[in-house]
């Protein structure tokens, strides 16, 4: 769960938004799938892209 531990917090504001988590998952899941010769392109919708999902504890 590196993404919720801060890796997805691209702007370092200690909050992870829907947009940040979506971008993190898309990049990392796609890259991991490519490493094993597979293709995955995760999508997540239905939430305001600026909605805060969690606060990162540093």
C-alpha atoms as a PDB file:
ATOM      1  CA  UNK A   1       0.000   0.000   0.000  1.00  0.00           C
ATOM      2  CA  UNK A   2       2.843   2.347  -0.846  1.00  0.00           C
ATOM      3  CA  UNK A   3       0.357   4.552  -2.645  1.00  0.00           C
ATOM      4  CA  UNK A   4      -1.583   5.337   0.531  1.00  0.00           C
ATOM      5  CA  UNK A   5       1.603   5.680   2.577  1.00  0.00           C
ATOM      6  CA  UNK A   6       2.613   8.709   0.551  1.00  0.00           C
ATOM      7  CA  UNK A   7       3.987   7.535  -2.797  1.00  0.00           C
ATOM      8  CA  UNK A   8       0.866   8.802  -4.570  1.00  0.00           C
ATOM      9  CA  UNK A   9       1.083  12.251  -2.918  1.00  0.00           C
ATOM     10  CA  UNK A  10       2.673  14.003  -5.905  1.00  0.00           C
ATOM     11  CA  UNK A  11       2.241  17.561  -4.609  1.00  0.00           C
ATOM     12  CA  UNK A  12       3.469  16.682  -1.079  1.00  0.00           C
ATOM     13  CA  UNK A  13       0.517  18.325   0.668  1.00  0.00           C
ATOM     14  CA  UNK A  14       0.017  15.247   2.924  1.00  0.00           C
ATOM     15  CA  UNK A  15      -3.333  14.487   1.259  1.00  0.00           C
ATOM     16  CA  UNK A  16      -3.971  11.970  -1.504  1.00  0.00           C
ATOM     17  CA  UNK A  17      -6.658  12.999  -3.944  1.00  0.00           C
ATOM     18  CA  UNK A  18      -8.612  10.792  -6.325  1.00  0.00           C
ATOM     19  CA  UNK A  19      -6.607  12.279  -9.198  1.00  0.00           C
ATOM     20  CA  UNK A  20      -3.246  11.502  -7.548  1.00  0.00           C
ATOM     21  CA  UNK A  21      -4.224   7.937  -6.651  1.00  0.00           C
ATOM     22  CA  UNK A  22      -5.625   7.272 -10.124  1.00  0.00           C
ATOM     23  CA  UNK A  23      -2.422   8.515 -11.783  1.00  0.00           C
ATOM     24  CA  UNK A  24      -0.249   6.479  -9.412  1.00  0.00           C
ATOM     25  CA  UNK A  25      -2.230   3.285  -9.981  1.00  0.00           C
ATOM     26  CA  UNK A  26      -2.374   3.724 -13.742  1.00  0.00           C
ATOM     27  CA  UNK A  27       1.392   4.187 -14.005  1.00  0.00           C
ATOM     28  CA  UNK A  28       2.440   1.507 -11.536  1.00  0.00           C
ATOM     29  CA  UNK A  29      -0.059  -1.215 -12.427  1.00  0.00           C
ATOM     30  CA  UNK A  30       0.611  -0.712 -16.130  1.00  0.00           C
ATOM     31  CA  UNK A  31       4.392  -0.862 -15.628  1.00  0.00           C
ATOM     32  CA  UNK A  32       4.173  -3.942 -13.392  1.00  0.00           C
ATOM     33  CA  UNK A  33       1.966  -5.718 -15.908  1.00  0.00           C
ATOM     34  CA  UNK A  34       4.392  -4.884 -18.719  1.00  0.00           C
ATOM     35  CA  UNK A  35       7.218  -6.412 -16.671  1.00  0.00           C
ATOM     36  CA  UNK A  36       5.481  -9.780 -16.933  1.00  0.00           C
ATOM     37  CA  UNK A  37       4.366  -9.336 -20.576  1.00  0.00           C
ATOM     38  CA  UNK A  38       0.778  -8.507 -19.714  1.00  0.00           C
ATOM     39  CA  UNK A  39      -1.333  -5.419 -20.211  1.00  0.00           C
ATOM     40  CA  UNK A  40      -3.512  -3.738 -17.628  1.00  0.00           C
ATOM     41  CA  UNK A  41      -4.843  -0.203 -17.676  1.00  0.00           C
ATOM     42  CA  UNK A  42      -6.763   0.443 -14.468  1.00  0.00           C
ATOM     43  CA  UNK A  43      -9.535   3.000 -14.415  1.00  0.00           C
ATOM     44  CA  UNK A  44     -11.487   4.447 -11.553  1.00  0.00           C
ATOM     45  CA  UNK A  45     -14.419   6.788 -11.943  1.00  0.00           C
ATOM     46  CA  UNK A  46     -17.375   8.184 -10.115  1.00  0.00           C
ATOM     47  CA  UNK A  47     -15.544  10.468  -7.702  1.00  0.00           C
ATOM     48  CA  UNK A  48     -14.659  14.140  -8.026  1.00  0.00           C
ATOM     49  CA  UNK A  49     -11.016  14.161  -9.191  1.00  0.00           C
ATOM     50  CA  UNK A  50     -10.080  16.663  -6.471  1.00  0.00           C
ATOM     51  CA  UNK A  51     -11.784  14.672  -3.712  1.00  0.00           C
ATOM     52  CA  UNK A  52      -9.412  13.922  -0.825  1.00  0.00           C
ATOM     53  CA  UNK A  53      -9.251  10.206  -0.113  1.00  0.00           C
ATOM     54  CA  UNK A  54      -6.825  10.097   2.796  1.00  0.00           C
ATOM     55  CA  UNK A  55      -4.264  12.034   4.787  1.00  0.00           C
ATOM     56  CA  UNK A  56      -0.716  10.715   4.786  1.00  0.00           C
ATOM     57  CA  UNK A  57       0.875  10.177   8.186  1.00  0.00           C
ATOM     58  CA  UNK A  58       4.527  11.225   7.958  1.00  0.00           C
END
